[in-house]
Amino acid sequence: MTVRLVLVDDHPVVRRGLRALLDTIDEVEVVGEAADGEAAVREAQLLHPDVLLMDIRLPVLDGVEATRRINAAVPEVAVLVLTMYDDDATVLTAMRAGARGYLLKGAEQDEIVAAIRAVAAGQVIYGPGVAARMLSLFAAPPASTVPFPELTEREREILTLLASGLRNAAIAKQLFLSPKTVSNNLTAIFAKLRVADRSAAIIRARDEGLGT
């Protein structure tokens, strides 16, 4: 069976390199490319590939949110993450968004091809380095059930009020902060949650039960 695949990376050189690699594999056909998250969602809906090879850090719409939207709109498309980011929060967020595999850039050709075949067949797969991290997480004591543990308590308070529909000035007034402090905290929150704007942050927060 030939696996139909879409490449998603904002660096043309990376896309060309991956395409050159995959064009040598008879069982894989690259049917499209995208340079940002919105284009990735569009290509997934238009082309219905078997696999979408997705970077995490993307312009317009980040790879995690793009994965979440693809999983909701065309769940038959398997998203395989290929990125340089291997921190626990990024891995877990991507998998919760619906990614079926997670590889690190620098993986060998055989490893990438095997992962593509695996997720196309319905399996969930991690690269060796990522797998070791995941095993250590599952072996650790149960984590706190507090949503977004990467945020500080103050940042969680602000995110909760944001998800409740309050603007910056109202949040500042309620928490006895300056609007500038609220704005700075929101910038940090967006970075930690890897979202581009308020709307995406509100969606993430409400998905976790904040502000509802």
N, C-alpha and C. Protein backbone atom coordinates (compact mmCIF):
# COMPACT_ATOMS: atom_id res chain seq x y z
N MET A 1 0.83 -1.20 0.00
CA MET A 1 0.00 0.00 0.00
C MET A 1 0.87 1.25 0.00
N THR A 2 0.56 2.21 -0.87
CA THR A 2 1.29 3.47 -0.92
C THR A 2 0.69 4.44 0.09
N VAL A 3 1.54 5.03 0.93
CA VAL A 3 1.11 5.99 1.93
C VAL A 3 1.16 7.39 1.31
N ARG A 4 0.01 8.06 1.26
CA ARG A 4 -0.06 9.43 0.74
C ARG A 4 0.23 10.39 1.88
N LEU A 5 1.15 11.33 1.65
CA LEU A 5 1.67 12.13 2.75
C LEU A 5 1.75 13.61 2.38
N VAL A 6 1.47 14.47 3.37
CA VAL A 6 1.65 15.91 3.23
C VAL A 6 2.74 16.35 4.20
N LEU A 7 3.69 17.17 3.71
CA LEU A 7 4.79 17.69 4.52
C LEU A 7 4.42 19.07 5.05
N VAL A 8 4.64 19.31 6.34
CA VAL A 8 4.35 20.61 6.93
C VAL A 8 5.56 21.10 7.71
N ASP A 9 6.19 22.15 7.18
CA ASP A 9 7.33 22.78 7.85
C ASP A 9 7.49 24.17 7.27
N ASP A 10 7.82 25.15 8.11
CA ASP A 10 7.91 26.52 7.60
C ASP A 10 9.24 26.81 6.93
N HIS A 11 10.18 25.87 6.96
CA HIS A 11 11.47 26.08 6.31
C HIS A 11 11.52 25.33 4.98
N PRO A 12 11.60 26.04 3.86
CA PRO A 12 11.63 25.39 2.54
C PRO A 12 12.76 24.38 2.40
N VAL A 13 13.92 24.68 3.00
CA VAL A 13 15.06 23.76 2.89
C VAL A 13 14.75 22.43 3.57
N VAL A 14 14.07 22.50 4.72
CA VAL A 14 13.69 21.27 5.43
C VAL A 14 12.69 20.48 4.60
N ARG A 15 11.72 21.17 4.03
CA ARG A 15 10.72 20.47 3.21
C ARG A 15 11.37 19.81 2.00
N ARG A 16 12.29 20.54 1.36
CA ARG A 16 12.96 19.95 0.19
C ARG A 16 13.77 18.73 0.58
N GLY A 17 14.45 18.82 1.73
CA GLY A 17 15.24 17.68 2.18
C GLY A 17 14.40 16.47 2.50
N LEU A 18 13.27 16.70 3.18
CA LEU A 18 12.38 15.59 3.50
C LEU A 18 11.76 15.00 2.23
N ARG A 19 11.40 15.88 1.31
CA ARG A 19 10.79 15.39 0.07
C ARG A 19 11.79 14.55 -0.71
N ALA A 20 13.04 15.01 -0.77
CA ALA A 20 14.07 14.25 -1.48
C ALA A 20 14.27 12.88 -0.83
N LEU A 21 14.22 12.85 0.50
CA LEU A 21 14.37 11.59 1.22
C LEU A 21 13.19 10.66 0.92
N LEU A 22 11.98 11.19 1.00
CA LEU A 22 10.79 10.35 0.86
C LEU A 22 10.54 9.94 -0.59
N ASP A 23 11.02 10.75 -1.53
CA ASP A 23 10.83 10.39 -2.94
C ASP A 23 11.62 9.13 -3.31
N THR A 24 12.56 8.74 -2.47
CA THR A 24 13.33 7.52 -2.74
C THR A 24 12.62 6.27 -2.21
N ILE A 25 11.50 6.47 -1.50
CA ILE A 25 10.77 5.35 -0.89
C ILE A 25 9.55 5.04 -1.75
N ASP A 26 9.52 3.85 -2.29
CA ASP A 26 8.43 3.47 -3.21
C ASP A 26 7.07 3.51 -2.54
N GLU A 27 7.00 3.16 -1.26
CA GLU A 27 5.72 3.03 -0.59
C GLU A 27 5.16 4.35 -0.08
N VAL A 28 5.90 5.48 -0.29
CA VAL A 28 5.46 6.78 0.21
C VAL A 28 5.35 7.75 -0.96
N GLU A 29 4.21 8.44 -1.05
CA GLU A 29 4.00 9.44 -2.09
C GLU A 29 3.68 10.78 -1.43
N VAL A 30 4.54 11.78 -1.64
CA VAL A 30 4.30 13.12 -1.11
C VAL A 30 3.30 13.81 -2.04
N VAL A 31 2.10 14.09 -1.51
CA VAL A 31 1.03 14.65 -2.35
C VAL A 31 0.81 16.14 -2.10
N GLY A 32 1.49 16.71 -1.10
CA GLY A 32 1.31 18.13 -0.83
C GLY A 32 2.28 18.63 0.21
N GLU A 33 2.37 19.98 0.31
CA GLU A 33 3.22 20.63 1.29
C GLU A 33 2.49 21.82 1.88
N ALA A 34 2.88 22.21 3.09
CA ALA A 34 2.33 23.40 3.72
C ALA A 34 3.42 24.06 4.56
N ALA A 35 3.37 25.39 4.63
CA ALA A 35 4.40 26.14 5.34
C ALA A 35 3.89 26.75 6.65
N ASP A 36 2.61 26.58 6.96
CA ASP A 36 2.07 27.08 8.22
C ASP A 36 0.90 26.19 8.65
N GLY A 37 0.44 26.41 9.89
CA GLY A 37 -0.59 25.55 10.45
C GLY A 37 -1.93 25.64 9.74
N GLU A 38 -2.33 26.84 9.34
CA GLU A 38 -3.61 26.97 8.65
C GLU A 38 -3.59 26.24 7.31
N ALA A 39 -2.46 26.37 6.60
CA ALA A 39 -2.33 25.67 5.31
C ALA A 39 -2.34 24.16 5.54
N ALA A 40 -1.77 23.70 6.64
CA ALA A 40 -1.77 22.26 6.95
C ALA A 40 -3.19 21.74 7.12
N VAL A 41 -4.01 22.50 7.86
CA VAL A 41 -5.41 22.09 8.05
C VAL A 41 -6.13 22.05 6.71
N ARG A 42 -5.88 23.07 5.90
CA ARG A 42 -6.54 23.15 4.59
C ARG A 42 -6.12 21.97 3.69
N GLU A 43 -4.82 21.67 3.67
CA GLU A 43 -4.33 20.57 2.84
C GLU A 43 -4.89 19.23 3.32
N ALA A 44 -4.99 19.08 4.62
CA ALA A 44 -5.54 17.83 5.17
C ALA A 44 -6.99 17.64 4.73
N GLN A 45 -7.75 18.73 4.73
CA GLN A 45 -9.16 18.64 4.36
C GLN A 45 -9.34 18.45 2.85
N LEU A 46 -8.45 19.08 2.07
CA LEU A 46 -8.58 18.98 0.61
C LEU A 46 -8.05 17.66 0.07
N LEU A 47 -6.91 17.22 0.59
CA LEU A 47 -6.21 16.07 0.00
C LEU A 47 -6.50 14.75 0.71
N HIS A 48 -6.95 14.80 1.96
CA HIS A 48 -7.19 13.59 2.74
C HIS A 48 -6.01 12.60 2.64
N PRO A 49 -4.80 13.06 2.99
CA PRO A 49 -3.65 12.15 2.95
C PRO A 49 -3.77 11.08 4.04
N ASP A 50 -2.96 10.06 3.94
CA ASP A 50 -2.92 9.05 5.00
C ASP A 50 -2.19 9.60 6.22
N VAL A 51 -1.12 10.36 5.95
CA VAL A 51 -0.26 10.88 7.02
C VAL A 51 0.08 12.34 6.73
N LEU A 52 0.13 13.12 7.79
CA LEU A 52 0.60 14.50 7.69
C LEU A 52 1.80 14.64 8.61
N LEU A 53 2.96 14.92 8.03
CA LEU A 53 4.22 15.04 8.79
C LEU A 53 4.35 16.50 9.25
N MET A 54 4.21 16.74 10.55
CA MET A 54 3.96 18.09 11.08
C MET A 54 5.06 18.57 12.02
N ASP A 55 5.55 19.80 11.77
CA ASP A 55 6.42 20.46 12.74
C ASP A 55 5.54 21.10 13.81
N ILE A 56 6.13 21.46 14.96
CA ILE A 56 5.38 22.06 16.05
C ILE A 56 5.35 23.58 15.94
N ARG A 57 6.53 24.18 15.80
CA ARG A 57 6.61 25.64 15.73
C ARG A 57 6.33 26.08 14.30
N LEU A 58 5.14 26.63 14.07
CA LEU A 58 4.72 27.07 12.74
C LEU A 58 4.11 28.46 12.83
N PRO A 59 4.23 29.25 11.77
CA PRO A 59 3.56 30.56 11.76
C PRO A 59 2.06 30.42 11.55
N VAL A 60 1.34 31.50 11.79
CA VAL A 60 -0.11 31.63 11.61
C VAL A 60 -0.87 30.78 12.63
N LEU A 61 -0.61 29.48 12.62
CA LEU A 61 -1.26 28.55 13.55
C LEU A 61 -0.23 27.50 13.93
N ASP A 62 0.01 27.32 15.24
CA ASP A 62 1.06 26.38 15.64
C ASP A 62 0.64 24.94 15.37
N GLY A 63 1.65 24.05 15.36
CA GLY A 63 1.41 22.66 14.99
C GLY A 63 0.47 21.92 15.91
N VAL A 64 0.47 22.27 17.20
CA VAL A 64 -0.43 21.60 18.15
C VAL A 64 -1.88 21.94 17.84
N GLU A 65 -2.17 23.24 17.65
CA GLU A 65 -3.55 23.64 17.35
C GLU A 65 -3.97 23.11 15.99
N ALA A 66 -3.05 23.11 15.03
CA ALA A 66 -3.36 22.55 13.71
C ALA A 66 -3.70 21.07 13.83
N THR A 67 -2.94 20.34 14.65
CA THR A 67 -3.21 18.93 14.88
C THR A 67 -4.59 18.73 15.49
N ARG A 68 -4.93 19.57 16.46
CA ARG A 68 -6.24 19.47 17.12
C ARG A 68 -7.37 19.68 16.10
N ARG A 69 -7.20 20.65 15.22
CA ARG A 69 -8.25 20.94 14.23
C ARG A 69 -8.35 19.83 13.18
N ILE A 70 -7.20 19.31 12.78
CA ILE A 70 -7.20 18.21 11.80
C ILE A 70 -7.87 16.98 12.41
N ASN A 71 -7.53 16.69 13.66
CA ASN A 71 -8.11 15.52 14.32
C ASN A 71 -9.62 15.65 14.45
N ALA A 72 -10.12 16.89 14.62
CA ALA A 72 -11.56 17.11 14.73
C ALA A 72 -12.25 17.05 13.38
N ALA A 73 -11.59 17.60 12.34
CA ALA A 73 -12.23 17.72 11.02
C ALA A 73 -12.06 16.48 10.16
N VAL A 74 -10.85 15.91 10.17
CA VAL A 74 -10.56 14.73 9.34
C VAL A 74 -9.77 13.72 10.18
N PRO A 75 -10.43 13.07 11.13
CA PRO A 75 -9.73 12.20 12.08
C PRO A 75 -9.03 11.02 11.44
N GLU A 76 -9.39 10.70 10.19
CA GLU A 76 -8.71 9.59 9.51
C GLU A 76 -7.30 9.95 9.07
N VAL A 77 -6.95 11.25 9.08
CA VAL A 77 -5.60 11.69 8.73
C VAL A 77 -4.70 11.54 9.96
N ALA A 78 -3.66 10.74 9.85
CA ALA A 78 -2.75 10.52 10.98
C ALA A 78 -1.68 11.61 11.00
N VAL A 79 -1.59 12.35 12.10
CA VAL A 79 -0.56 13.38 12.24
C VAL A 79 0.66 12.78 12.93
N LEU A 80 1.79 12.89 12.26
CA LEU A 80 3.07 12.45 12.81
C LEU A 80 3.93 13.69 13.02
N VAL A 81 4.24 14.00 14.26
CA VAL A 81 5.04 15.19 14.58
C VAL A 81 6.51 14.89 14.32
N LEU A 82 7.17 15.83 13.64
CA LEU A 82 8.62 15.76 13.44
C LEU A 82 9.18 17.12 13.81
N THR A 83 9.85 17.20 14.95
CA THR A 83 10.25 18.51 15.49
C THR A 83 11.55 18.39 16.25
N MET A 84 12.09 19.55 16.64
CA MET A 84 13.31 19.54 17.46
C MET A 84 12.98 19.65 18.95
N TYR A 85 11.72 19.85 19.28
CA TYR A 85 11.33 20.08 20.67
C TYR A 85 10.94 18.76 21.35
N ASP A 86 11.65 18.45 22.44
CA ASP A 86 11.39 17.18 23.11
C ASP A 86 11.04 17.35 24.59
N ASP A 87 10.66 18.59 24.99
CA ASP A 87 10.29 18.78 26.39
C ASP A 87 8.96 18.09 26.68
N ASP A 88 8.77 17.71 27.92
CA ASP A 88 7.59 16.93 28.30
C ASP A 88 6.28 17.62 27.95
N ALA A 89 6.21 18.94 28.21
CA ALA A 89 4.96 19.66 27.98
C ALA A 89 4.57 19.63 26.51
N THR A 90 5.56 19.81 25.62
CA THR A 90 5.27 19.82 24.18
C THR A 90 4.82 18.45 23.71
N VAL A 91 5.52 17.41 24.15
CA VAL A 91 5.16 16.05 23.75
C VAL A 91 3.74 15.72 24.19
N LEU A 92 3.44 15.97 25.47
CA LEU A 92 2.12 15.63 26.00
C LEU A 92 1.02 16.45 25.33
N THR A 93 1.28 17.74 25.11
CA THR A 93 0.27 18.59 24.48
C THR A 93 -0.02 18.12 23.06
N ALA A 94 1.02 17.75 22.33
CA ALA A 94 0.83 17.27 20.95
C ALA A 94 0.04 15.97 20.93
N MET A 95 0.34 15.06 21.82
CA MET A 95 -0.36 13.79 21.84
C MET A 95 -1.82 13.97 22.28
N ARG A 96 -2.05 14.87 23.23
CA ARG A 96 -3.42 15.15 23.65
C ARG A 96 -4.22 15.79 22.52
N ALA A 97 -3.52 16.54 21.65
CA ALA A 97 -4.20 17.18 20.52
C ALA A 97 -4.58 16.17 19.45
N GLY A 98 -4.02 14.95 19.54
CA GLY A 98 -4.39 13.91 18.58
C GLY A 98 -3.28 13.40 17.71
N ALA A 99 -2.05 13.86 17.94
CA ALA A 99 -0.93 13.33 17.15
C ALA A 99 -0.76 11.85 17.44
N ARG A 100 -0.49 11.07 16.38
CA ARG A 100 -0.34 9.62 16.56
C ARG A 100 1.12 9.19 16.65
N GLY A 101 2.02 10.15 16.47
CA GLY A 101 3.43 9.83 16.57
C GLY A 101 4.25 11.07 16.83
N TYR A 102 5.45 10.89 17.39
CA TYR A 102 6.29 12.02 17.75
C TYR A 102 7.75 11.63 17.53
N LEU A 103 8.38 12.28 16.56
CA LEU A 103 9.79 12.04 16.26
C LEU A 103 10.58 13.33 16.40
N LEU A 104 11.85 13.19 16.69
CA LEU A 104 12.73 14.36 16.75
C LEU A 104 13.48 14.51 15.44
N LYS A 105 13.66 15.76 15.02
CA LYS A 105 14.47 16.01 13.83
C LYS A 105 15.88 15.50 14.09
N GLY A 106 16.45 14.89 13.10
CA GLY A 106 17.73 14.21 13.28
C GLY A 106 17.55 12.71 13.31
N ALA A 107 16.28 12.26 13.29
CA ALA A 107 16.01 10.82 13.25
C ALA A 107 16.53 10.24 11.94
N GLU A 108 16.94 9.00 11.97
CA GLU A 108 17.45 8.34 10.77
C GLU A 108 16.32 8.12 9.76
N GLN A 109 16.70 8.00 8.49
CA GLN A 109 15.71 7.81 7.43
C GLN A 109 14.83 6.59 7.69
N ASP A 110 15.45 5.48 8.07
CA ASP A 110 14.67 4.26 8.32
C ASP A 110 13.66 4.46 9.45
N GLU A 111 14.05 5.24 10.45
CA GLU A 111 13.17 5.50 11.59
C GLU A 111 11.96 6.33 11.15
N ILE A 112 12.20 7.35 10.32
CA ILE A 112 11.11 8.20 9.83
C ILE A 112 10.15 7.39 8.98
N VAL A 113 10.69 6.60 8.06
CA VAL A 113 9.85 5.80 7.16
C VAL A 113 9.04 4.78 7.96
N ALA A 114 9.68 4.13 8.94
CA ALA A 114 8.97 3.15 9.76
C ALA A 114 7.84 3.81 10.55
N ALA A 115 8.10 5.04 11.05
CA ALA A 115 7.07 5.75 11.80
C ALA A 115 5.90 6.14 10.90
N ILE A 116 6.19 6.57 9.68
CA ILE A 116 5.13 6.92 8.72
C ILE A 116 4.25 5.70 8.45
N ARG A 117 4.87 4.57 8.19
CA ARG A 117 4.10 3.35 7.94
C ARG A 117 3.27 2.96 9.16
N ALA A 118 3.86 3.11 10.34
CA ALA A 118 3.18 2.70 11.57
C ALA A 118 1.93 3.54 11.83
N VAL A 119 2.05 4.87 11.75
CA VAL A 119 0.88 5.70 12.03
C VAL A 119 -0.17 5.55 10.93
N ALA A 120 0.28 5.31 9.70
CA ALA A 120 -0.68 5.07 8.60
C ALA A 120 -1.48 3.80 8.86
N ALA A 121 -0.87 2.84 9.57
CA ALA A 121 -1.53 1.58 9.89
C ALA A 121 -2.35 1.66 11.18
N GLY A 122 -2.41 2.86 11.78
CA GLY A 122 -3.23 3.03 12.97
C GLY A 122 -2.49 2.91 14.29
N GLN A 123 -1.16 2.75 14.24
CA GLN A 123 -0.39 2.62 15.46
C GLN A 123 -0.02 4.00 16.01
N VAL A 124 0.37 4.04 17.27
CA VAL A 124 0.93 5.24 17.90
C VAL A 124 2.40 4.97 18.14
N ILE A 125 3.26 5.91 17.76
CA ILE A 125 4.69 5.63 17.83
C ILE A 125 5.46 6.85 18.32
N TYR A 126 6.50 6.59 19.11
CA TYR A 126 7.41 7.61 19.58
C TYR A 126 8.82 7.27 19.12
N GLY A 127 9.63 8.29 18.84
CA GLY A 127 11.04 8.05 18.60
C GLY A 127 11.70 7.58 19.89
N PRO A 128 12.88 6.96 19.81
CA PRO A 128 13.53 6.40 21.00
C PRO A 128 13.70 7.39 22.14
N GLY A 129 14.19 8.61 21.83
CA GLY A 129 14.39 9.61 22.87
C GLY A 129 13.10 10.03 23.52
N VAL A 130 12.07 10.22 22.71
CA VAL A 130 10.77 10.62 23.22
C VAL A 130 10.14 9.49 24.03
N ALA A 131 10.28 8.26 23.55
CA ALA A 131 9.72 7.11 24.26
C ALA A 131 10.30 7.00 25.67
N ALA A 132 11.59 7.23 25.80
CA ALA A 132 12.23 7.15 27.11
C ALA A 132 11.65 8.20 28.06
N ARG A 133 11.41 9.41 27.53
CA ARG A 133 10.84 10.47 28.35
C ARG A 133 9.42 10.12 28.77
N MET A 134 8.65 9.57 27.85
CA MET A 134 7.27 9.21 28.17
C MET A 134 7.21 8.11 29.22
N LEU A 135 8.09 7.14 29.11
CA LEU A 135 8.13 6.07 30.10
C LEU A 135 8.45 6.61 31.48
N SER A 136 9.38 7.57 31.53
CA SER A 136 9.74 8.14 32.83
C SER A 136 8.57 8.93 33.41
N LEU A 137 7.79 9.58 32.54
CA LEU A 137 6.62 10.32 33.02
C LEU A 137 5.57 9.38 33.60
N PHE A 138 5.31 8.28 32.87
CA PHE A 138 4.30 7.33 33.33
C PHE A 138 4.75 6.60 34.59
N ALA A 139 6.07 6.47 34.76
CA ALA A 139 6.59 5.78 35.94
C ALA A 139 6.63 6.69 37.16
N ALA A 140 6.51 8.00 36.92
CA ALA A 140 6.56 8.96 38.03
C ALA A 140 5.26 8.94 38.81
N PRO A 141 5.28 9.47 40.03
CA PRO A 141 4.04 9.56 40.82
C PRO A 141 3.01 10.40 40.07
N PRO A 142 1.73 10.16 40.30
CA PRO A 142 0.69 10.93 39.60
C PRO A 142 0.89 12.42 39.79
N ALA A 143 0.79 13.14 38.69
CA ALA A 143 0.97 14.58 38.72
C ALA A 143 -0.28 15.25 39.26
N SER A 144 -0.13 16.51 39.62
CA SER A 144 -1.27 17.29 40.08
C SER A 144 -2.31 17.39 38.97
N THR A 145 -3.57 17.43 39.38
CA THR A 145 -4.64 17.55 38.40
C THR A 145 -4.90 19.01 38.03
N VAL A 146 -4.08 19.92 38.56
CA VAL A 146 -4.24 21.34 38.22
C VAL A 146 -3.98 21.51 36.72
N PRO A 147 -4.89 22.15 35.99
CA PRO A 147 -4.67 22.34 34.56
C PRO A 147 -3.48 23.25 34.28
N PHE A 148 -2.79 22.98 33.21
CA PHE A 148 -1.64 23.77 32.77
C PHE A 148 -0.61 23.95 33.90
N PRO A 149 -0.02 22.86 34.37
CA PRO A 149 0.94 22.96 35.46
C PRO A 149 2.17 23.79 35.11
N GLU A 150 2.39 24.04 33.82
CA GLU A 150 3.53 24.86 33.42
C GLU A 150 3.33 26.34 33.75
N LEU A 151 2.09 26.72 34.05
CA LEU A 151 1.78 28.10 34.40
C LEU A 151 1.97 28.34 35.90
N THR A 152 2.30 29.58 36.26
CA THR A 152 2.33 29.95 37.68
C THR A 152 0.88 30.12 38.17
N GLU A 153 0.73 30.20 39.48
CA GLU A 153 -0.62 30.37 40.03
C GLU A 153 -1.25 31.67 39.53
N ARG A 154 -0.46 32.74 39.48
CA ARG A 154 -0.96 34.01 38.97
C ARG A 154 -1.37 33.91 37.51
N GLU A 155 -0.56 33.23 36.70
CA GLU A 155 -0.88 33.08 35.28
C GLU A 155 -2.17 32.27 35.10
N ARG A 156 -2.38 31.27 35.96
CA ARG A 156 -3.61 30.48 35.88
C ARG A 156 -4.83 31.33 36.25
N GLU A 157 -4.66 32.20 37.24
CA GLU A 157 -5.75 33.11 37.62
C GLU A 157 -6.13 34.01 36.44
N ILE A 158 -5.11 34.56 35.80
CA ILE A 158 -5.36 35.47 34.66
C ILE A 158 -6.00 34.71 33.51
N LEU A 159 -5.50 33.51 33.24
CA LEU A 159 -6.07 32.70 32.14
C LEU A 159 -7.53 32.36 32.44
N THR A 160 -7.84 32.05 33.69
CA THR A 160 -9.23 31.73 34.07
C THR A 160 -10.15 32.91 33.82
N LEU A 161 -9.69 34.10 34.19
CA LEU A 161 -10.50 35.30 33.98
C LEU A 161 -10.62 35.62 32.49
N LEU A 162 -9.52 35.39 31.76
CA LEU A 162 -9.57 35.59 30.31
C LEU A 162 -10.61 34.67 29.68
N ALA A 163 -10.61 33.40 30.11
CA ALA A 163 -11.56 32.42 29.58
C ALA A 163 -12.99 32.74 30.00
N SER A 164 -13.15 33.53 31.07
CA SER A 164 -14.48 33.94 31.51
C SER A 164 -15.02 35.10 30.68
N GLY A 165 -14.18 35.63 29.80
CA GLY A 165 -14.63 36.69 28.91
C GLY A 165 -14.19 38.09 29.30
N LEU A 166 -13.34 38.21 30.33
CA LEU A 166 -12.90 39.53 30.76
C LEU A 166 -11.79 40.07 29.87
N ARG A 167 -11.80 41.38 29.67
CA ARG A 167 -10.72 42.05 28.96
C ARG A 167 -9.60 42.37 29.94
N ASN A 168 -8.47 42.87 29.41
CA ASN A 168 -7.29 43.11 30.25
C ASN A 168 -7.58 44.07 31.40
N ALA A 169 -8.31 45.16 31.12
CA ALA A 169 -8.57 46.16 32.16
C ALA A 169 -9.40 45.56 33.30
N ALA A 170 -10.38 44.73 32.95
CA ALA A 170 -11.22 44.11 33.98
C ALA A 170 -10.44 43.10 34.79
N ILE A 171 -9.56 42.34 34.12
CA ILE A 171 -8.71 41.38 34.83
C ILE A 171 -7.80 42.12 35.80
N ALA A 172 -7.21 43.21 35.33
CA ALA A 172 -6.31 44.00 36.17
C ALA A 172 -7.04 44.53 37.40
N LYS A 173 -8.25 45.02 37.20
CA LYS A 173 -9.03 45.57 38.32
C LYS A 173 -9.37 44.49 39.33
N GLN A 174 -9.77 43.32 38.86
CA GLN A 174 -10.18 42.24 39.76
C GLN A 174 -9.02 41.70 40.57
N LEU A 175 -7.82 41.66 39.95
CA LEU A 175 -6.66 41.09 40.63
C LEU A 175 -5.75 42.15 41.25
N PHE A 176 -6.20 43.43 41.19
CA PHE A 176 -5.41 44.53 41.74
C PHE A 176 -4.02 44.60 41.11
N LEU A 177 -4.00 44.48 39.79
CA LEU A 177 -2.76 44.56 39.02
C LEU A 177 -2.86 45.71 38.04
N SER A 178 -1.73 46.10 37.49
CA SER A 178 -1.75 47.10 36.42
C SER A 178 -2.06 46.40 35.10
N PRO A 179 -2.70 47.10 34.16
CA PRO A 179 -2.94 46.51 32.84
C PRO A 179 -1.66 46.02 32.18
N LYS A 180 -0.55 46.73 32.39
CA LYS A 180 0.73 46.32 31.81
C LYS A 180 1.15 44.96 32.37
N THR A 181 0.96 44.75 33.67
CA THR A 181 1.32 43.46 34.28
C THR A 181 0.47 42.34 33.70
N VAL A 182 -0.81 42.60 33.52
CA VAL A 182 -1.70 41.60 32.92
C VAL A 182 -1.25 41.29 31.50
N SER A 183 -0.92 42.32 30.73
CA SER A 183 -0.47 42.12 29.35
C SER A 183 0.81 41.29 29.31
N ASN A 184 1.75 41.57 30.21
CA ASN A 184 3.01 40.81 30.26
C ASN A 184 2.75 39.35 30.62
N ASN A 185 1.85 39.14 31.57
CA ASN A 185 1.50 37.77 31.96
C ASN A 185 0.85 37.02 30.81
N LEU A 186 -0.03 37.69 30.07
CA LEU A 186 -0.68 37.03 28.93
C LEU A 186 0.34 36.64 27.87
N THR A 187 1.32 37.50 27.64
CA THR A 187 2.37 37.15 26.68
C THR A 187 3.09 35.88 27.11
N ALA A 188 3.39 35.77 28.41
CA ALA A 188 4.05 34.56 28.93
C ALA A 188 3.14 33.35 28.82
N ILE A 189 1.85 33.54 29.09
CA ILE A 189 0.88 32.44 29.00
C ILE A 189 0.80 31.93 27.57
N PHE A 190 0.69 32.84 26.59
CA PHE A 190 0.60 32.42 25.19
C PHE A 190 1.83 31.62 24.79
N ALA A 191 3.00 32.06 25.25
CA ALA A 191 4.25 31.36 24.91
C ALA A 191 4.26 29.96 25.52
N LYS A 192 3.87 29.86 26.79
CA LYS A 192 3.90 28.56 27.46
C LYS A 192 2.87 27.59 26.88
N LEU A 193 1.71 28.11 26.48
CA LEU A 193 0.67 27.25 25.90
C LEU A 193 0.87 27.05 24.40
N ARG A 194 1.85 27.77 23.84
CA ARG A 194 2.15 27.70 22.41
C ARG A 194 0.90 28.03 21.57
N VAL A 195 0.28 29.13 21.92
CA VAL A 195 -0.86 29.62 21.14
C VAL A 195 -0.51 31.00 20.62
N ALA A 196 -1.20 31.42 19.56
CA ALA A 196 -0.84 32.66 18.88
C ALA A 196 -1.59 33.87 19.41
N ASP A 197 -2.78 33.66 19.98
CA ASP A 197 -3.58 34.82 20.36
C ASP A 197 -4.56 34.49 21.48
N ARG A 198 -5.35 35.49 21.87
CA ARG A 198 -6.31 35.35 22.96
C ARG A 198 -7.35 34.26 22.67
N SER A 199 -7.84 34.26 21.42
CA SER A 199 -8.89 33.30 21.08
C SER A 199 -8.42 31.87 21.28
N ALA A 200 -7.21 31.58 20.80
CA ALA A 200 -6.67 30.22 20.94
C ALA A 200 -6.45 29.88 22.42
N ALA A 201 -5.99 30.87 23.20
CA ALA A 201 -5.78 30.63 24.63
C ALA A 201 -7.11 30.35 25.34
N ILE A 202 -8.15 31.08 24.96
CA ILE A 202 -9.47 30.88 25.57
C ILE A 202 -9.99 29.48 25.26
N ILE A 203 -9.81 29.04 24.01
CA ILE A 203 -10.26 27.70 23.62
C ILE A 203 -9.54 26.65 24.46
N ARG A 204 -8.19 26.78 24.57
CA ARG A 204 -7.41 25.82 25.35
C ARG A 204 -7.89 25.81 26.81
N ALA A 205 -8.10 27.02 27.37
CA ALA A 205 -8.49 27.12 28.77
C ALA A 205 -9.85 26.48 29.01
N ARG A 206 -10.80 26.76 28.14
CA ARG A 206 -12.15 26.22 28.31
C ARG A 206 -12.17 24.71 28.11
N ASP A 207 -11.30 24.21 27.24
CA ASP A 207 -11.18 22.76 27.06
C ASP A 207 -10.78 22.08 28.37
N GLU A 208 -10.01 22.82 29.20
CA GLU A 208 -9.55 22.27 30.49
C GLU A 208 -10.48 22.65 31.64
N GLY A 209 -11.62 23.26 31.31
CA GLY A 209 -12.60 23.58 32.35
C GLY A 209 -12.44 24.93 33.02
N LEU A 210 -11.51 25.76 32.53
CA LEU A 210 -11.32 27.08 33.13
C LEU A 210 -12.31 28.08 32.54
N GLY A 211 -12.81 28.96 33.36
CA GLY A 211 -13.65 30.05 32.88
C GLY A 211 -15.06 29.64 32.51
N THR A 212 -15.44 28.39 32.78
CA THR A 212 -16.78 27.94 32.40
C THR A 212 -17.70 27.90 33.61
